[in-house]
All heavy atoms as atom14 arrays in JSON, in Angstrom:
{
  "sequence": "ALFNSVLSDAGPGTIPLGGTSLAAALEEAARAFPPREGGGRVLVVIS",
  "atom14_mask": [
    [1, 1, 1, 1, 1, 0, 0, 0, 0, 0, 0, 0, 0, 0],
    [1, 1, 1, 1, 1, 1, 1, 1, 0, 0, 0, 0, 0, 0],
    [1, 1, 1, 1, 1, 1, 1, 1, 1, 1, 1, 0, 0, 0],
    [1, 1, 1, 1, 1, 1, 1, 1, 0, 0, 0, 0, 0, 0],
    [1, 1, 1, 1, 1, 1, 0, 0, 0, 0, 0, 0, 0, 0],
    [1, 1, 1, 1, 1, 1, 1, 0, 0, 0, 0, 0, 0, 0],
    [1, 1, 1, 1, 1, 1, 1, 1, 0, 0, 0, 0, 0, 0],
    [1, 1, 1, 1, 1, 1, 0, 0, 0, 0, 0, 0, 0, 0],
    [1, 1, 1, 1, 1, 1, 1, 1, 0, 0, 0, 0, 0, 0],
    [1, 1, 1, 1, 1, 0, 0, 0, 0, 0, 0, 0, 0, 0],
    [1, 1, 1, 1, 0, 0, 0, 0, 0, 0, 0, 0, 0, 0],
    [1, 1, 1, 1, 1, 1, 1, 0, 0, 0, 0, 0, 0, 0],
    [1, 1, 1, 1, 0, 0, 0, 0, 0, 0, 0, 0, 0, 0],
    [1, 1, 1, 1, 1, 1, 1, 0, 0, 0, 0, 0, 0, 0],
    [1, 1, 1, 1, 1, 1, 1, 1, 0, 0, 0, 0, 0, 0],
    [1, 1, 1, 1, 1, 1, 1, 0, 0, 0, 0, 0, 0, 0],
    [1, 1, 1, 1, 1, 1, 1, 1, 0, 0, 0, 0, 0, 0],
    [1, 1, 1, 1, 0, 0, 0, 0, 0, 0, 0, 0, 0, 0],
    [1, 1, 1, 1, 0, 0, 0, 0, 0, 0, 0, 0, 0, 0],
    [1, 1, 1, 1, 1, 1, 1, 0, 0, 0, 0, 0, 0, 0],
    [1, 1, 1, 1, 1, 1, 0, 0, 0, 0, 0, 0, 0, 0],
    [1, 1, 1, 1, 1, 1, 1, 1, 0, 0, 0, 0, 0, 0],
    [1, 1, 1, 1, 1, 0, 0, 0, 0, 0, 0, 0, 0, 0],
    [1, 1, 1, 1, 1, 0, 0, 0, 0, 0, 0, 0, 0, 0],
    [1, 1, 1, 1, 1, 0, 0, 0, 0, 0, 0, 0, 0, 0],
    [1, 1, 1, 1, 1, 1, 1, 1, 0, 0, 0, 0, 0, 0],
    [1, 1, 1, 1, 1, 1, 1, 1, 1, 0, 0, 0, 0, 0],
    [1, 1, 1, 1, 1, 1, 1, 1, 1, 0, 0, 0, 0, 0],
    [1, 1, 1, 1, 1, 0, 0, 0, 0, 0, 0, 0, 0, 0],
    [1, 1, 1, 1, 1, 0, 0, 0, 0, 0, 0, 0, 0, 0],
    [1, 1, 1, 1, 1, 1, 1, 1, 1, 1, 1, 0, 0, 0],
    [1, 1, 1, 1, 1, 0, 0, 0, 0, 0, 0, 0, 0, 0],
    [1, 1, 1, 1, 1, 1, 1, 1, 1, 1, 1, 0, 0, 0],
    [1, 1, 1, 1, 1, 1, 1, 0, 0, 0, 0, 0, 0, 0],
    [1, 1, 1, 1, 1, 1, 1, 0, 0, 0, 0, 0, 0, 0],
    [1, 1, 1, 1, 1, 1, 1, 1, 1, 1, 1, 0, 0, 0],
    [1, 1, 1, 1, 1, 1, 1, 1, 1, 0, 0, 0, 0, 0],
    [1, 1, 1, 1, 0, 0, 0, 0, 0, 0, 0, 0, 0, 0],
    [1, 1, 1, 1, 0, 0, 0, 0, 0, 0, 0, 0, 0, 0],
    [1, 1, 1, 1, 0, 0, 0, 0, 0, 0, 0, 0, 0, 0],
    [1, 1, 1, 1, 1, 1, 1, 1, 1, 1, 1, 0, 0, 0],
    [1, 1, 1, 1, 1, 1, 1, 0, 0, 0, 0, 0, 0, 0],
    [1, 1, 1, 1, 1, 1, 1, 1, 0, 0, 0, 0, 0, 0],
    [1, 1, 1, 1, 1, 1, 1, 0, 0, 0, 0, 0, 0, 0],
    [1, 1, 1, 1, 1, 1, 1, 0, 0, 0, 0, 0, 0, 0],
    [1, 1, 1, 1, 1, 1, 1, 1, 0, 0, 0, 0, 0, 0],
    [1, 1, 1, 1, 1, 1, 0, 0, 0, 0, 0, 0, 0, 0]
  ],
  "atom14_positions": [
    [[14.15, 2.56, -9.25], [14.18, 4.0, -9.49], [12.76, 4.54, -9.63], [12.42, 5.62, -9.11], [14.99, 4.32, -10.73], [0.0, 0.0, 0.0], [0.0, 0.0, 0.0], [0.0, 0.0, 0.0], [0.0, 0.0, 0.0], [0.0, 0.0, 0.0], [0.0, 0.0, 0.0], [0.0, 0.0, 0.0], [0.0, 0.0, 0.0], [0.0, 0.0, 0.0]],
    [[11.9, 3.8, -10.33], [10.51, 4.2, -10.47], [9.81, 4.2, -9.11], [9.08, 5.14, -8.77], [9.79, 3.26, -11.43], [8.27, 3.43, -11.54], [7.92, 4.79, -12.09], [7.68, 2.31, -12.4], [0.0, 0.0, 0.0], [0.0, 0.0, 0.0], [0.0, 0.0, 0.0], [0.0, 0.0, 0.0], [0.0, 0.0, 0.0], [0.0, 0.0, 0.0]],
    [[10.04, 3.15, -8.32], [9.41, 3.08, -7.0], [9.84, 4.26, -6.13], [9.0, 4.89, -5.47], [9.79, 1.77, -6.32], [9.26, 1.65, -4.92], [7.98, 1.16, -4.67], [10.03, 2.05, -3.83], [7.48, 1.08, -3.37], [9.54, 1.97, -2.53], [8.26, 1.48, -2.32], [0.0, 0.0, 0.0], [0.0, 0.0, 0.0], [0.0, 0.0, 0.0]],
    [[11.13, 4.57, -6.12], [11.61, 5.69, -5.3], [11.01, 7.01, -5.74], [10.75, 7.91, -4.91], [13.13, 5.76, -5.35], [13.79, 4.68, -4.52], [13.24, 4.25, -3.51], [14.96, 4.23, -4.94], [0.0, 0.0, 0.0], [0.0, 0.0, 0.0], [0.0, 0.0, 0.0], [0.0, 0.0, 0.0], [0.0, 0.0, 0.0], [0.0, 0.0, 0.0]],
    [[10.79, 7.17, -7.04], [10.17, 8.39, -7.54], [8.73, 8.53, -7.04], [8.31, 9.61, -6.61], [10.21, 8.41, -9.08], [9.55, 9.53, -9.59], [0.0, 0.0, 0.0], [0.0, 0.0, 0.0], [0.0, 0.0, 0.0], [0.0, 0.0, 0.0], [0.0, 0.0, 0.0], [0.0, 0.0, 0.0], [0.0, 0.0, 0.0], [0.0, 0.0, 0.0]],
    [[7.98, 7.43, -7.08], [6.6, 7.45, -6.59], [6.58, 7.67, -5.08], [5.75, 8.4, -4.54], [5.87, 6.15, -6.97], [4.46, 6.13, -6.39], [5.81, 6.01, -8.48], [0.0, 0.0, 0.0], [0.0, 0.0, 0.0], [0.0, 0.0, 0.0], [0.0, 0.0, 0.0], [0.0, 0.0, 0.0], [0.0, 0.0, 0.0], [0.0, 0.0, 0.0]],
    [[7.52, 7.03, -4.39], [7.6, 7.18, -2.92], [7.83, 8.63, -2.52], [7.21, 9.14, -1.58], [8.71, 6.28, -2.38], [9.02, 6.4, -0.89], [7.85, 5.9, -0.06], [10.3, 5.63, -0.54], [0.0, 0.0, 0.0], [0.0, 0.0, 0.0], [0.0, 0.0, 0.0], [0.0, 0.0, 0.0], [0.0, 0.0, 0.0], [0.0, 0.0, 0.0]],
    [[8.73, 9.31, -3.23], [9.03, 10.69, -2.87], [7.84, 11.62, -3.07], [7.73, 12.65, -2.39], [10.22, 11.19, -3.7], [9.89, 11.2, -5.08], [0.0, 0.0, 0.0], [0.0, 0.0, 0.0], [0.0, 0.0, 0.0], [0.0, 0.0, 0.0], [0.0, 0.0, 0.0], [0.0, 0.0, 0.0], [0.0, 0.0, 0.0], [0.0, 0.0, 0.0]],
    [[6.94, 11.28, -3.99], [5.78, 12.12, -4.26], [4.6, 11.84, -3.34], [3.63, 12.62, -3.31], [5.33, 11.95, -5.72], [6.34, 12.49, -6.71], [7.13, 13.37, -6.31], [6.36, 12.03, -7.86], [0.0, 0.0, 0.0], [0.0, 0.0, 0.0], [0.0, 0.0, 0.0], [0.0, 0.0, 0.0], [0.0, 0.0, 0.0], [0.0, 0.0, 0.0]],
    [[4.63, 10.73, -2.61], [3.51, 10.37, -1.74], [3.43, 11.34, -0.57], [4.44, 11.69, 0.05], [3.67, 8.94, -1.23], [0.0, 0.0, 0.0], [0.0, 0.0, 0.0], [0.0, 0.0, 0.0], [0.0, 0.0, 0.0], [0.0, 0.0, 0.0], [0.0, 0.0, 0.0], [0.0, 0.0, 0.0], [0.0, 0.0, 0.0], [0.0, 0.0, 0.0]],
    [[2.21, 11.78, -0.27], [2.0, 12.72, 0.83], [0.54, 12.85, 1.17], [-0.31, 12.12, 0.63], [0.0, 0.0, 0.0], [0.0, 0.0, 0.0], [0.0, 0.0, 0.0], [0.0, 0.0, 0.0], [0.0, 0.0, 0.0], [0.0, 0.0, 0.0], [0.0, 0.0, 0.0], [0.0, 0.0, 0.0], [0.0, 0.0, 0.0], [0.0, 0.0, 0.0]],
    [[0.19, 13.78, 2.05], [-1.21, 13.95, 2.46], [-2.15, 14.22, 1.29], [-3.33, 13.87, 1.36], [-1.15, 15.15, 3.41], [0.26, 15.16, 3.92], [1.1, 14.67, 2.78], [0.0, 0.0, 0.0], [0.0, 0.0, 0.0], [0.0, 0.0, 0.0], [0.0, 0.0, 0.0], [0.0, 0.0, 0.0], [0.0, 0.0, 0.0], [0.0, 0.0, 0.0]],
    [[-1.65, 14.83, 0.21], [-2.52, 15.1, -0.92], [-2.76, 13.91, -1.81], [-3.58, 13.97, -2.73], [0.0, 0.0, 0.0], [0.0, 0.0, 0.0], [0.0, 0.0, 0.0], [0.0, 0.0, 0.0], [0.0, 0.0, 0.0], [0.0, 0.0, 0.0], [0.0, 0.0, 0.0], [0.0, 0.0, 0.0], [0.0, 0.0, 0.0], [0.0, 0.0, 0.0]],
    [[-2.07, 12.79, -1.57], [-2.24, 11.61, -2.41], [-3.62, 11.0, -2.22], [-4.24, 10.55, -3.19], [-1.15, 10.57, -2.09], [0.14, 11.17, -2.23], [-1.25, 9.37, -3.02], [0.0, 0.0, 0.0], [0.0, 0.0, 0.0], [0.0, 0.0, 0.0], [0.0, 0.0, 0.0], [0.0, 0.0, 0.0], [0.0, 0.0, 0.0], [0.0, 0.0, 0.0]],
    [[-4.11, 10.95, -0.98], [-5.43, 10.39, -0.67], [-6.32, 11.54, -0.19], [-6.07, 12.12, 0.88], [-5.33, 9.3, 0.41], [-4.36, 8.2, -0.03], [-6.7, 8.72, 0.71], [-4.8, 7.47, -1.29], [0.0, 0.0, 0.0], [0.0, 0.0, 0.0], [0.0, 0.0, 0.0], [0.0, 0.0, 0.0], [0.0, 0.0, 0.0], [0.0, 0.0, 0.0]],
    [[-7.36, 11.87, -0.94], [-8.18, 13.03, -0.57], [-9.04, 12.81, 0.67], [-9.4, 13.77, 1.35], [-9.05, 13.26, -1.81], [-9.12, 11.91, -2.49], [-7.79, 11.27, -2.22], [0.0, 0.0, 0.0], [0.0, 0.0, 0.0], [0.0, 0.0, 0.0], [0.0, 0.0, 0.0], [0.0, 0.0, 0.0], [0.0, 0.0, 0.0], [0.0, 0.0, 0.0]],
    [[-9.37, 11.56, 0.98], [-10.25, 11.29, 2.13], [-9.44, 11.31, 3.41], [-8.48, 10.56, 3.56], [-10.96, 9.94, 1.95], [-11.99, 9.57, 3.01], [-13.12, 10.6, 3.06], [-12.55, 8.17, 2.74], [0.0, 0.0, 0.0], [0.0, 0.0, 0.0], [0.0, 0.0, 0.0], [0.0, 0.0, 0.0], [0.0, 0.0, 0.0], [0.0, 0.0, 0.0]],
    [[-9.8, 12.18, 4.36], [-9.07, 12.3, 5.61], [-9.34, 11.16, 6.55], [-10.13, 10.25, 6.28], [0.0, 0.0, 0.0], [0.0, 0.0, 0.0], [0.0, 0.0, 0.0], [0.0, 0.0, 0.0], [0.0, 0.0, 0.0], [0.0, 0.0, 0.0], [0.0, 0.0, 0.0], [0.0, 0.0, 0.0], [0.0, 0.0, 0.0], [0.0, 0.0, 0.0]],
    [[-8.66, 11.22, 7.71], [-8.79, 10.14, 8.67], [-7.78, 9.04, 8.39], [-6.9, 9.17, 7.54], [0.0, 0.0, 0.0], [0.0, 0.0, 0.0], [0.0, 0.0, 0.0], [0.0, 0.0, 0.0], [0.0, 0.0, 0.0], [0.0, 0.0, 0.0], [0.0, 0.0, 0.0], [0.0, 0.0, 0.0], [0.0, 0.0, 0.0], [0.0, 0.0, 0.0]],
    [[-7.93, 7.93, 9.12], [-7.03, 6.78, 8.93], [-7.84, 5.5, 9.04], [-8.58, 5.32, 10.01], [-5.91, 6.76, 9.99], [-5.21, 8.01, 9.96], [-4.93, 5.63, 9.71], [0.0, 0.0, 0.0], [0.0, 0.0, 0.0], [0.0, 0.0, 0.0], [0.0, 0.0, 0.0], [0.0, 0.0, 0.0], [0.0, 0.0, 0.0], [0.0, 0.0, 0.0]],
    [[-7.68, 4.61, 8.05], [-8.35, 3.31, 8.07], [-7.32, 2.24, 7.74], [-6.93, 2.06, 6.58], [-9.5, 3.27, 7.05], [-10.08, 1.97, 7.03], [0.0, 0.0, 0.0], [0.0, 0.0, 0.0], [0.0, 0.0, 0.0], [0.0, 0.0, 0.0], [0.0, 0.0, 0.0], [0.0, 0.0, 0.0], [0.0, 0.0, 0.0], [0.0, 0.0, 0.0]],
    [[-6.84, 1.56, 8.77], [-5.89, 0.46, 8.57], [-6.54, -0.7, 7.82], [-5.89, -1.37, 7.02], [-5.35, 0.0, 9.92], [-4.46, 1.0, 10.67], [-4.19, 0.52, 12.1], [-3.15, 1.21, 9.93], [0.0, 0.0, 0.0], [0.0, 0.0, 0.0], [0.0, 0.0, 0.0], [0.0, 0.0, 0.0], [0.0, 0.0, 0.0], [0.0, 0.0, 0.0]],
    [[-7.82, -0.94, 8.05], [-8.52, -2.02, 7.36], [-8.57, -1.77, 5.86], [-8.43, -2.69, 5.06], [-9.93, -2.18, 7.93], [0.0, 0.0, 0.0], [0.0, 0.0, 0.0], [0.0, 0.0, 0.0], [0.0, 0.0, 0.0], [0.0, 0.0, 0.0], [0.0, 0.0, 0.0], [0.0, 0.0, 0.0], [0.0, 0.0, 0.0], [0.0, 0.0, 0.0]],
    [[-8.74, -0.51, 5.46], [-8.76, -0.18, 4.03], [-7.41, -0.49, 3.39], [-7.35, -0.97, 2.25], [-9.12, 1.29, 3.83], [0.0, 0.0, 0.0], [0.0, 0.0, 0.0], [0.0, 0.0, 0.0], [0.0, 0.0, 0.0], [0.0, 0.0, 0.0], [0.0, 0.0, 0.0], [0.0, 0.0, 0.0], [0.0, 0.0, 0.0], [0.0, 0.0, 0.0]],
    [[-6.32, -0.22, 4.1], [-4.99, -0.53, 3.56], [-4.8, -2.03, 3.38], [-4.24, -2.49, 2.38], [-3.92, 0.03, 4.5], [0.0, 0.0, 0.0], [0.0, 0.0, 0.0], [0.0, 0.0, 0.0], [0.0, 0.0, 0.0], [0.0, 0.0, 0.0], [0.0, 0.0, 0.0], [0.0, 0.0, 0.0], [0.0, 0.0, 0.0], [0.0, 0.0, 0.0]],
    [[-5.29, -2.84, 4.34], [-5.15, -4.29, 4.24], [-6.0, -4.85, 3.11], [-5.57, -5.77, 2.4], [-5.54, -4.94, 5.57], [-4.68, -4.53, 6.79], [-5.2, -5.18, 8.06], [-3.23, -4.89, 6.56], [0.0, 0.0, 0.0], [0.0, 0.0, 0.0], [0.0, 0.0, 0.0], [0.0, 0.0, 0.0], [0.0, 0.0, 0.0], [0.0, 0.0, 0.0]],
    [[-7.18, -4.31, 2.93], [-8.04, -4.78, 1.84], [-7.45, -4.42, 0.47], [-7.55, -5.2, -0.48], [-9.44, -4.19, 2.0], [-10.19, -4.73, 3.22], [-11.46, -3.97, 3.51], [-11.73, -3.0, 2.75], [-12.16, -4.31, 4.48], [0.0, 0.0, 0.0], [0.0, 0.0, 0.0], [0.0, 0.0, 0.0], [0.0, 0.0, 0.0], [0.0, 0.0, 0.0]],
    [[-6.84, -3.26, 0.38], [-6.19, -2.88, -0.87], [-4.98, -3.77, -1.14], [-4.69, -4.09, -2.31], [-5.76, -1.41, -0.82], [-5.07, -0.9, -2.05], [-5.96, -0.87, -3.28], [-7.2, -0.92, -3.12], [-5.41, -0.81, -4.4], [0.0, 0.0, 0.0], [0.0, 0.0, 0.0], [0.0, 0.0, 0.0], [0.0, 0.0, 0.0], [0.0, 0.0, 0.0]],
    [[-4.29, -4.19, -0.1], [-3.13, -5.06, -0.27], [-3.52, -6.41, -0.85], [-2.75, -7.01, -1.62], [-2.42, -5.25, 1.07], [0.0, 0.0, 0.0], [0.0, 0.0, 0.0], [0.0, 0.0, 0.0], [0.0, 0.0, 0.0], [0.0, 0.0, 0.0], [0.0, 0.0, 0.0], [0.0, 0.0, 0.0], [0.0, 0.0, 0.0], [0.0, 0.0, 0.0]],
    [[-4.71, -6.89, -0.52], [-5.17, -8.17, -1.08], [-5.28, -8.09, -2.6], [-5.09, -9.09, -3.29], [-6.52, -8.54, -0.46], [0.0, 0.0, 0.0], [0.0, 0.0, 0.0], [0.0, 0.0, 0.0], [0.0, 0.0, 0.0], [0.0, 0.0, 0.0], [0.0, 0.0, 0.0], [0.0, 0.0, 0.0], [0.0, 0.0, 0.0], [0.0, 0.0, 0.0]],
    [[-5.56, -6.9, -3.14], [-5.63, -6.72, -4.59], [-4.27, -6.43, -5.2], [-4.06, -6.64, -6.39], [-6.61, -5.6, -4.92], [-8.05, -5.89, -4.53], [-8.99, -4.79, -4.99], [-8.84, -3.6, -4.15], [-9.57, -3.38, -3.06], [-10.47, -4.27, -2.66], [-9.39, -2.27, -2.35], [0.0, 0.0, 0.0], [0.0, 0.0, 0.0], [0.0, 0.0, 0.0]],
    [[-3.34, -5.93, -4.4], [-2.03, -5.56, -4.93], [-1.13, -6.76, -5.15], [-0.28, -6.75, -6.04], [-1.34, -4.57, -3.97], [0.0, 0.0, 0.0], [0.0, 0.0, 0.0], [0.0, 0.0, 0.0], [0.0, 0.0, 0.0], [0.0, 0.0, 0.0], [0.0, 0.0, 0.0], [0.0, 0.0, 0.0], [0.0, 0.0, 0.0], [0.0, 0.0, 0.0]],
    [[-1.32, -7.82, -4.36], [-0.5, -9.02, -4.52], [-1.05, -9.9, -5.64], [-2.28, -10.03, -5.78], [-0.44, -9.83, -3.23], [0.47, -9.26, -2.18], [-0.05, -8.59, -1.09], [1.85, -9.4, -2.3], [0.79, -8.07, -0.12], [2.69, -8.86, -1.33], [2.17, -8.21, -0.24], [0.0, 0.0, 0.0], [0.0, 0.0, 0.0], [0.0, 0.0, 0.0]],
    [[-0.19, -10.55, -6.42], [-0.68, -11.48, -7.44], [-1.22, -12.74, -6.78], [-0.7, -13.2, -5.77], [0.57, -11.78, -8.28], [1.71, -11.57, -7.34], [1.28, -10.46, -6.43], [0.0, 0.0, 0.0], [0.0, 0.0, 0.0], [0.0, 0.0, 0.0], [0.0, 0.0, 0.0], [0.0, 0.0, 0.0], [0.0, 0.0, 0.0], [0.0, 0.0, 0.0]],
    [[-2.28, -13.33, -7.33], [-2.82, -14.56, -6.75], [-1.9, -15.74, -7.04], [-1.67, -16.11, -8.18], [-4.18, -14.72, -7.45], [-4.0, -14.0, -8.76], [-3.06, -12.86, -8.5], [0.0, 0.0, 0.0], [0.0, 0.0, 0.0], [0.0, 0.0, 0.0], [0.0, 0.0, 0.0], [0.0, 0.0, 0.0], [0.0, 0.0, 0.0], [0.0, 0.0, 0.0]],
    [[-1.33, -16.32, -6.01], [-0.47, -17.5, -6.17], [-0.41, -18.23, -4.84], [-0.72, -17.67, -3.79], [0.92, -17.11, -6.63], [1.76, -16.42, -5.57], [3.12, -16.03, -6.1], [3.99, -15.55, -5.03], [5.14, -14.95, -5.23], [5.57, -14.73, -6.45], [5.88, -14.56, -4.2], [0.0, 0.0, 0.0], [0.0, 0.0, 0.0], [0.0, 0.0, 0.0]],
    [[0.07, -19.46, -4.9], [0.19, -20.26, -3.69], [1.57, -20.11, -3.09], [2.52, -19.72, -3.75], [-0.09, -21.74, -4.01], [-1.5, -22.0, -4.51], [-1.72, -23.45, -4.81], [-0.75, -24.22, -4.7], [-2.86, -23.82, -5.14], [0.0, 0.0, 0.0], [0.0, 0.0, 0.0], [0.0, 0.0, 0.0], [0.0, 0.0, 0.0], [0.0, 0.0, 0.0]],
    [[1.68, -20.45, -1.83], [2.98, -20.4, -1.17], [3.25, -19.05, -0.54], [2.42, -18.14, -0.53], [0.0, 0.0, 0.0], [0.0, 0.0, 0.0], [0.0, 0.0, 0.0], [0.0, 0.0, 0.0], [0.0, 0.0, 0.0], [0.0, 0.0, 0.0], [0.0, 0.0, 0.0], [0.0, 0.0, 0.0], [0.0, 0.0, 0.0], [0.0, 0.0, 0.0]],
    [[4.47, -18.92, 0.01], [4.85, -17.71, 0.7], [5.57, -16.75, -0.22], [5.29, -16.65, -1.42], [0.0, 0.0, 0.0], [0.0, 0.0, 0.0], [0.0, 0.0, 0.0], [0.0, 0.0, 0.0], [0.0, 0.0, 0.0], [0.0, 0.0, 0.0], [0.0, 0.0, 0.0], [0.0, 0.0, 0.0], [0.0, 0.0, 0.0], [0.0, 0.0, 0.0]],
    [[6.53, -16.04, 0.37], [7.29, -15.08, -0.42], [6.58, -13.78, -0.67], [6.98, -13.01, -1.54], [0.0, 0.0, 0.0], [0.0, 0.0, 0.0], [0.0, 0.0, 0.0], [0.0, 0.0, 0.0], [0.0, 0.0, 0.0], [0.0, 0.0, 0.0], [0.0, 0.0, 0.0], [0.0, 0.0, 0.0], [0.0, 0.0, 0.0], [0.0, 0.0, 0.0]],
    [[5.51, -13.5, 0.1], [4.78, -12.25, -0.04], [4.68, -11.58, 1.34], [4.24, -12.21, 2.31], [3.38, -12.49, -0.62], [3.41, -13.01, -2.04], [1.99, -13.27, -2.56], [1.36, -14.38, -1.85], [0.09, -14.74, -2.01], [-0.69, -14.05, -2.85], [-0.41, -15.76, -1.35], [0.0, 0.0, 0.0], [0.0, 0.0, 0.0], [0.0, 0.0, 0.0]],
    [[5.07, -10.31, 1.4], [5.14, -9.6, 2.67], [4.44, -8.26, 2.52], [4.65, -7.54, 1.53], [6.6, -9.37, 3.11], [6.65, -8.64, 4.45], [7.35, -10.69, 3.18], [0.0, 0.0, 0.0], [0.0, 0.0, 0.0], [0.0, 0.0, 0.0], [0.0, 0.0, 0.0], [0.0, 0.0, 0.0], [0.0, 0.0, 0.0], [0.0, 0.0, 0.0]],
    [[3.61, -7.93, 3.5], [2.97, -6.62, 3.57], [3.56, -5.87, 4.75], [3.51, -6.33, 5.9], [1.45, -6.76, 3.74], [0.7, -5.46, 4.02], [0.84, -4.48, 2.85], [-0.77, -5.73, 4.32], [0.0, 0.0, 0.0], [0.0, 0.0, 0.0], [0.0, 0.0, 0.0], [0.0, 0.0, 0.0], [0.0, 0.0, 0.0], [0.0, 0.0, 0.0]],
    [[4.15, -4.71, 4.48], [4.71, -3.86, 5.52], [3.79, -2.65, 5.69], [3.65, -1.84, 4.79], [6.14, -3.4, 5.16], [6.69, -2.47, 6.24], [7.05, -4.6, 4.97], [0.0, 0.0, 0.0], [0.0, 0.0, 0.0], [0.0, 0.0, 0.0], [0.0, 0.0, 0.0], [0.0, 0.0, 0.0], [0.0, 0.0, 0.0], [0.0, 0.0, 0.0]],
    [[3.15, -2.55, 6.86], [2.22, -1.46, 7.16], [2.94, -0.45, 8.04], [3.29, -0.75, 9.18], [0.95, -1.98, 7.85], [-0.01, -0.83, 8.11], [0.28, -3.06, 7.02], [0.0, 0.0, 0.0], [0.0, 0.0, 0.0], [0.0, 0.0, 0.0], [0.0, 0.0, 0.0], [0.0, 0.0, 0.0], [0.0, 0.0, 0.0], [0.0, 0.0, 0.0]],
    [[3.16, 0.75, 7.52], [3.87, 1.8, 8.26], [2.85, 2.84, 8.69], [2.23, 3.51, 7.85], [4.96, 2.44, 7.4], [5.91, 1.38, 6.86], [5.73, 3.48, 8.19], [7.0, 1.91, 5.96], [0.0, 0.0, 0.0], [0.0, 0.0, 0.0], [0.0, 0.0, 0.0], [0.0, 0.0, 0.0], [0.0, 0.0, 0.0], [0.0, 0.0, 0.0]],
    [[2.69, 3.02, 9.99], [1.66, 3.93, 10.5], [1.98, 4.33, 11.94], [2.81, 3.69, 12.61], [0.28, 3.26, 10.43], [-0.72, 4.07, 11.02], [0.0, 0.0, 0.0], [0.0, 0.0, 0.0], [0.0, 0.0, 0.0], [0.0, 0.0, 0.0], [0.0, 0.0, 0.0], [0.0, 0.0, 0.0], [0.0, 0.0, 0.0], [0.0, 0.0, 0.0]]
  ]
}
């Protein structure tokens, strides 16, 4: 429920810097995942 609430609020005003950087999204994902071994971690990039 919390995730859906944040998802509904996401929009162009969420990130003030214009343009698109896919590399920036991937680098941020490296910090979003907890450090652990093995699989079970998936990054879905929607663009």
